Amino acid sequence: MFKFEREQVVYDIAGVKLGGQPGEYPTVLIGSIFYEKHKIVSDPMKGEFDKKAAEELIKKQEELYDKTGNPFIIDVVGLSSEALERYIDFVADVTEAPFLVDSFSPNVRLSAIKHAIEVGLKERAIYNSIDNHVSDEEINSLRDLGVESSVLMAYNPRNVWAKGRVEILKGWEGQLG
């Protein structure tokens, strides 16, 4: 089996291990919930949704974990702070799994990650994501909040190949990587 020569890092987020050598840990499955136009959501701005259907989807992920041994993370998506915070509270009550705090809006993500930390979910909450559009203000807010886990999206719209991803990580046009 393929093995990296360089030492690999393993991250443990609420009992789910990410990283390591290929095959060292099972692949982590990530399923999204409450995304735009998701049929279980009735009001995406207020965060109103079919609780029974949402719980069934989460329990299905738990069943798949029991059958396959593949751990999971729930990608909790919201259009507004109010909605995303309601979704996070619901998910946290239904499962012990870690979750991604996800929105197209940095302000919504920051408000929701702050909420998650305030209600004691810091160890399970993963900020999704830091990318090439991140502002200094957003980075400083994450630091000030003490966010421990985040997705780092190494996507370069100017060069979508591996070399472009490395450029994003190293820095470009005077910006830090």
C-alpha atoms as a PDB file:
ATOM      1  CA  MET A   1       0.000   0.000   0.000  1.00  0.00           C
ATOM      2  CA  PHE A   2       1.123   3.558  -0.711  1.00  0.00           C
ATOM      3  CA  LYS A   3       2.785   5.322   2.215  1.00  0.00           C
ATOM      4  CA  PHE A   4       3.933   8.924   2.550  1.00  0.00           C
ATOM      5  CA  GLU A   5       7.601   9.257   3.471  1.00  0.00           C
ATOM      6  CA  ARG A   6       6.918  12.401   5.443  1.00  0.00           C
ATOM      7  CA  GLU A   7       5.337  12.018   8.880  1.00  0.00           C
ATOM      8  CA  GLN A   8       1.563  12.502   8.673  1.00  0.00           C
ATOM      9  CA  VAL A   9      -0.527  14.405  11.195  1.00  0.00           C
ATOM     10  CA  VAL A  10      -3.677  12.945  12.741  1.00  0.00           C
ATOM     11  CA  TYR A  11      -6.397  15.250  14.049  1.00  0.00           C
ATOM     12  CA  ASP A  12      -8.955  13.994  16.549  1.00  0.00           C
ATOM     13  CA  ILE A  13     -12.175  15.981  16.477  1.00  0.00           C
ATOM     14  CA  ALA A  14     -14.706  14.676  18.985  1.00  0.00           C
ATOM     15  CA  GLY A  15     -13.432  11.132  18.507  1.00  0.00           C
ATOM     16  CA  VAL A  16     -13.269  11.247  14.702  1.00  0.00           C
ATOM     17  CA  LYS A  17      -9.718  10.832  13.427  1.00  0.00           C
ATOM     18  CA  LEU A  18      -8.691  12.669  10.262  1.00  0.00           C
ATOM     19  CA  GLY A  19      -5.355  12.297   8.493  1.00  0.00           C
ATOM     20  CA  GLY A  20      -2.549   9.822   8.957  1.00  0.00           C
ATOM     21  CA  GLN A  21      -1.073   7.363   6.490  1.00  0.00           C
ATOM     22  CA  PRO A  22      -3.385   5.934   3.796  1.00  0.00           C
ATOM     23  CA  GLY A  23      -5.414   3.144   5.368  1.00  0.00           C
ATOM     24  CA  GLU A  24      -4.387   4.029   8.919  1.00  0.00           C
ATOM     25  CA  TYR A  25      -7.878   5.326   9.714  1.00  0.00           C
ATOM     26  CA  PRO A  26     -11.157   4.827   7.855  1.00  0.00           C
ATOM     27  CA  THR A  27     -12.371   7.439   5.407  1.00  0.00           C
ATOM     28  CA  VAL A  28     -14.620  10.006   7.078  1.00  0.00           C
ATOM     29  CA  LEU A  29     -17.998  10.543   5.414  1.00  0.00           C
ATOM     30  CA  ILE A  30     -19.467  14.052   5.369  1.00  0.00           C
ATOM     31  CA  GLY A  31     -23.156  14.556   4.674  1.00  0.00           C
ATOM     32  CA  SER A  32     -24.777  17.977   4.281  1.00  0.00           C
ATOM     33  CA  ILE A  33     -28.065  18.938   5.894  1.00  0.00           C
ATOM     34  CA  PHE A  34     -30.244  22.075   5.732  1.00  0.00           C
ATOM     35  CA  TYR A  35     -28.577  23.221   2.491  1.00  0.00           C
ATOM     36  CA  GLU A  36     -30.326  25.643   0.139  1.00  0.00           C
ATOM     37  CA  LYS A  37     -33.551  24.148  -1.244  1.00  0.00           C
ATOM     38  CA  HIS A  38     -33.237  21.056   0.969  1.00  0.00           C
ATOM     39  CA  LYS A  39     -36.750  19.608   1.007  1.00  0.00           C
ATOM     40  CA  ILE A  40     -36.801  19.312   4.806  1.00  0.00           C
ATOM     41  CA  VAL A  41     -36.352  23.103   5.219  1.00  0.00           C
ATOM     42  CA  SER A  42     -39.555  25.185   5.163  1.00  0.00           C
ATOM     43  CA  ASP A  43     -38.062  28.605   6.014  1.00  0.00           C
ATOM     44  CA  PRO A  44     -34.313  28.883   5.345  1.00  0.00           C
ATOM     45  CA  MET A  45     -33.968  32.336   6.937  1.00  0.00           C
ATOM     46  CA  LYS A  46     -35.694  31.435  10.218  1.00  0.00           C
ATOM     47  CA  GLY A  47     -34.348  27.905  10.311  1.00  0.00           C
ATOM     48  CA  GLU A  48     -37.708  26.161  10.286  1.00  0.00           C
ATOM     49  CA  PHE A  49     -37.572  22.527   9.213  1.00  0.00           C
ATOM     50  CA  ASP A  50     -39.108  19.066   9.538  1.00  0.00           C
ATOM     51  CA  LYS A  51     -37.468  17.825  12.734  1.00  0.00           C
ATOM     52  CA  LYS A  52     -38.527  14.221  12.270  1.00  0.00           C
ATOM     53  CA  ALA A  53     -37.073  14.061   8.750  1.00  0.00           C
ATOM     54  CA  ALA A  54     -33.851  15.757   9.882  1.00  0.00           C
ATOM     55  CA  GLU A  55     -33.425  13.322  12.763  1.00  0.00           C
ATOM     56  CA  GLU A  56     -33.998  10.378  10.400  1.00  0.00           C
ATOM     57  CA  LEU A  57     -31.226  11.644   8.106  1.00  0.00           C
ATOM     58  CA  ILE A  58     -28.807  11.983  11.005  1.00  0.00           C
ATOM     59  CA  LYS A  59     -29.724   8.549  12.375  1.00  0.00           C
ATOM     60  CA  LYS A  60     -29.147   7.120   8.881  1.00  0.00           C
ATOM     61  CA  GLN A  61     -25.570   8.423   9.013  1.00  0.00           C
ATOM     62  CA  GLU A  62     -25.144   6.757  12.406  1.00  0.00           C
ATOM     63  CA  GLU A  63     -26.488   3.479  10.975  1.00  0.00           C
ATOM     64  CA  LEU A  64     -24.035   3.681   8.074  1.00  0.00           C
ATOM     65  CA  TYR A  65     -21.221   4.179  10.565  1.00  0.00           C
ATOM     66  CA  ASP A  66     -22.359   1.106  12.504  1.00  0.00           C
ATOM     67  CA  LYS A  67     -22.447  -0.965   9.279  1.00  0.00           C
ATOM     68  CA  THR A  68     -19.254   0.272   7.608  1.00  0.00           C
ATOM     69  CA  GLY A  69     -17.020   1.579  10.376  1.00  0.00           C
ATOM     70  CA  ASN A  70     -16.662   4.860   8.491  1.00  0.00           C
ATOM     71  CA  PRO A  71     -17.077   7.754  10.932  1.00  0.00           C
ATOM     72  CA  PHE A  72     -19.015  10.815   9.871  1.00  0.00           C
ATOM     73  CA  ILE A  73     -19.177  14.563  10.229  1.00  0.00           C
ATOM     74  CA  ILE A  74     -22.380  16.498   9.587  1.00  0.00           C
ATOM     75  CA  ASP A  75     -22.106  19.543   7.321  1.00  0.00           C
ATOM     76  CA  VAL A  76     -24.655  21.935   8.866  1.00  0.00           C
ATOM     77  CA  VAL A  77     -25.493  24.616   6.295  1.00  0.00           C
ATOM     78  CA  GLY A  78     -27.452  27.802   6.992  1.00  0.00           C
ATOM     79  CA  LEU A  79     -28.407  30.969   5.138  1.00  0.00           C
ATOM     80  CA  SER A  80     -28.782  33.175   8.225  1.00  0.00           C
ATOM     81  CA  SER A  81     -27.300  33.288  11.715  1.00  0.00           C
ATOM     82  CA  GLU A  82     -30.688  32.544  13.239  1.00  0.00           C
ATOM     83  CA  ALA A  83     -31.163  29.491  11.042  1.00  0.00           C
ATOM     84  CA  LEU A  84     -27.646  28.116  11.393  1.00  0.00           C
ATOM     85  CA  GLU A  85     -27.706  28.459  15.171  1.00  0.00           C
ATOM     86  CA  ARG A  86     -31.060  26.621  15.355  1.00  0.00           C
ATOM     87  CA  TYR A  87     -29.718  23.864  13.124  1.00  0.00           C
ATOM     88  CA  ILE A  88     -26.566  23.492  15.231  1.00  0.00           C
ATOM     89  CA  ASP A  89     -28.605  23.210  18.438  1.00  0.00           C
ATOM     90  CA  PHE A  90     -30.796  20.544  16.856  1.00  0.00           C
ATOM     91  CA  VAL A  91     -27.895  18.504  15.478  1.00  0.00           C
ATOM     92  CA  ALA A  92     -26.063  18.685  18.817  1.00  0.00           C
ATOM     93  CA  ASP A  93     -29.143  17.313  20.597  1.00  0.00           C
ATOM     94  CA  VAL A  94     -29.570  14.421  18.142  1.00  0.00           C
ATOM     95  CA  THR A  95     -25.990  13.147  17.809  1.00  0.00           C
ATOM     96  CA  GLU A  96     -22.572  13.308  19.440  1.00  0.00           C
ATOM     97  CA  ALA A  97     -20.878  13.567  16.026  1.00  0.00           C
ATOM     98  CA  PRO A  98     -18.731  16.558  15.106  1.00  0.00           C
ATOM     99  CA  PHE A  99     -20.229  19.042  12.660  1.00  0.00           C
ATOM    100  CA  LEU A 100     -19.180  21.651  10.130  1.00  0.00           C
ATOM    101  CA  VAL A 101     -20.443  25.212  10.605  1.00  0.00           C
ATOM    102  CA  ASP A 102     -21.168  26.127   6.990  1.00  0.00           C
ATOM    103  CA  SER A 103     -22.601  29.142   5.179  1.00  0.00           C
ATOM    104  CA  PHE A 104     -21.753  31.195   2.116  1.00  0.00           C
ATOM    105  CA  SER A 105     -21.546  34.227   4.423  1.00  0.00           C
ATOM    106  CA  PRO A 106     -18.526  34.728   6.706  1.00  0.00           C
ATOM    107  CA  ASN A 107     -20.691  36.789   9.086  1.00  0.00           C
ATOM    108  CA  VAL A 108     -23.184  33.943   9.411  1.00  0.00           C
ATOM    109  CA  ARG A 109     -20.399  31.402   9.961  1.00  0.00           C
ATOM    110  CA  LEU A 110     -18.728  33.588  12.594  1.00  0.00           C
ATOM    111  CA  SER A 111     -21.975  34.196  14.455  1.00  0.00           C
ATOM    112  CA  ALA A 112     -22.786  30.485  14.418  1.00  0.00           C
ATOM    113  CA  ILE A 113     -19.328  29.310  15.512  1.00  0.00           C
ATOM    114  CA  LYS A 114     -19.472  31.853  18.353  1.00  0.00           C
ATOM    115  CA  HIS A 115     -22.855  30.412  19.352  1.00  0.00           C
ATOM    116  CA  ALA A 116     -21.505  26.854  19.205  1.00  0.00           C
ATOM    117  CA  ILE A 117     -18.628  27.813  21.499  1.00  0.00           C
ATOM    118  CA  GLU A 118     -20.932  29.658  23.916  1.00  0.00           C
ATOM    119  CA  VAL A 119     -23.220  26.614  24.303  1.00  0.00           C
ATOM    120  CA  GLY A 120     -20.294  24.260  24.945  1.00  0.00           C
ATOM    121  CA  LEU A 121     -19.834  22.681  21.510  1.00  0.00           C
ATOM    122  CA  LYS A 122     -16.329  23.976  20.790  1.00  0.00           C
ATOM    123  CA  GLU A 123     -14.754  20.493  20.576  1.00  0.00           C
ATOM    124  CA  ARG A 124     -17.350  19.317  18.026  1.00  0.00           C
ATOM    125  CA  ALA A 125     -17.600  22.462  15.868  1.00  0.00           C
ATOM    126  CA  ILE A 126     -15.493  22.771  12.703  1.00  0.00           C
ATOM    127  CA  TYR A 127     -15.437  26.127  10.904  1.00  0.00           C
ATOM    128  CA  ASN A 128     -16.124  25.621   7.190  1.00  0.00           C
ATOM    129  CA  SER A 129     -14.047  27.166   5.721  1.00  0.00           C
ATOM    130  CA  ILE A 130     -10.963  29.323   5.378  1.00  0.00           C
ATOM    131  CA  ASP A 131     -10.320  29.940   1.688  1.00  0.00           C
ATOM    132  CA  ASN A 132      -8.659  32.389  -0.687  1.00  0.00           C
ATOM    133  CA  HIS A 133     -11.358  35.002   0.041  1.00  0.00           C
ATOM    134  CA  VAL A 134     -10.781  35.086   3.807  1.00  0.00           C
ATOM    135  CA  SER A 135     -10.303  38.536   5.319  1.00  0.00           C
ATOM    136  CA  ASP A 136      -7.927  39.536   8.092  1.00  0.00           C
ATOM    137  CA  GLU A 137     -11.009  40.418  10.143  1.00  0.00           C
ATOM    138  CA  GLU A 138     -12.381  36.878   9.780  1.00  0.00           C
ATOM    139  CA  ILE A 139      -9.032  35.302  10.737  1.00  0.00           C
ATOM    140  CA  ASN A 140      -8.726  37.604  13.755  1.00  0.00           C
ATOM    141  CA  SER A 141     -12.281  36.766  14.835  1.00  0.00           C
ATOM    142  CA  LEU A 142     -11.557  33.034  14.624  1.00  0.00           C
ATOM    143  CA  ARG A 143      -8.402  33.525  16.681  1.00  0.00           C
ATOM    144  CA  ASP A 144     -10.212  35.680  19.266  1.00  0.00           C
ATOM    145  CA  LEU A 145     -12.990  33.097  19.591  1.00  0.00           C
ATOM    146  CA  GLY A 146     -10.463  30.314  20.097  1.00  0.00           C
ATOM    147  CA  VAL A 147     -11.724  28.184  17.219  1.00  0.00           C
ATOM    148  CA  GLU A 148      -9.776  24.923  17.297  1.00  0.00           C
ATOM    149  CA  SER A 149     -10.876  23.234  14.055  1.00  0.00           C
ATOM    150  CA  SER A 150     -11.392  24.561  10.555  1.00  0.00           C
ATOM    151  CA  VAL A 151     -11.412  23.352   6.986  1.00  0.00           C
ATOM    152  CA  LEU A 152      -8.612  24.967   5.002  1.00  0.00           C
ATOM    153  CA  MET A 153      -9.780  25.130   1.400  1.00  0.00           C
ATOM    154  CA  ALA A 154      -6.702  25.251  -0.811  1.00  0.00           C
ATOM    155  CA  TYR A 155      -8.560  26.156  -3.999  1.00  0.00           C
ATOM    156  CA  ASN A 156      -6.979  28.463  -6.539  1.00  0.00           C
ATOM    157  CA  PRO A 157      -9.498  29.723  -9.111  1.00  0.00           C
ATOM    158  CA  ARG A 158      -6.604  30.930 -11.296  1.00  0.00           C
ATOM    159  CA  ASN A 159      -4.981  27.490 -11.363  1.00  0.00           C
ATOM    160  CA  VAL A 160      -7.177  24.530 -10.372  1.00  0.00           C
ATOM    161  CA  TRP A 161      -4.365  21.985 -10.604  1.00  0.00           C
ATOM    162  CA  ALA A 162      -2.166  20.744  -7.745  1.00  0.00           C
ATOM    163  CA  LYS A 163       0.451  23.437  -8.419  1.00  0.00           C
ATOM    164  CA  GLY A 164      -2.234  26.107  -8.004  1.00  0.00           C
ATOM    165  CA  ARG A 165      -3.292  24.660  -4.654  1.00  0.00           C
ATOM    166  CA  VAL A 166       0.302  24.790  -3.443  1.00  0.00           C
ATOM    167  CA  GLU A 167       0.525  28.427  -4.620  1.00  0.00           C
ATOM    168  CA  ILE A 168      -2.496  29.291  -2.459  1.00  0.00           C
ATOM    169  CA  LEU A 169      -0.916  27.633   0.576  1.00  0.00           C
ATOM    170  CA  LYS A 170       2.447  29.363   0.079  1.00  0.00           C
ATOM    171  CA  GLY A 171       0.983  32.780  -0.755  1.00  0.00           C
ATOM    172  CA  TRP A 172       0.544  34.792  -3.935  1.00  0.00           C
ATOM    173  CA  GLU A 173       0.688  38.379  -5.130  1.00  0.00           C
ATOM    174  CA  GLY A 174       1.957  39.661  -1.799  1.00  0.00           C
ATOM    175  CA  GLN A 175      -0.619  37.770   0.271  1.00  0.00           C
ATOM    176  CA  LEU A 176       0.385  35.337   2.948  1.00  0.00           C
ATOM    177  CA  GLY A 177      -0.400  31.680   2.412  1.00  0.00           C
END
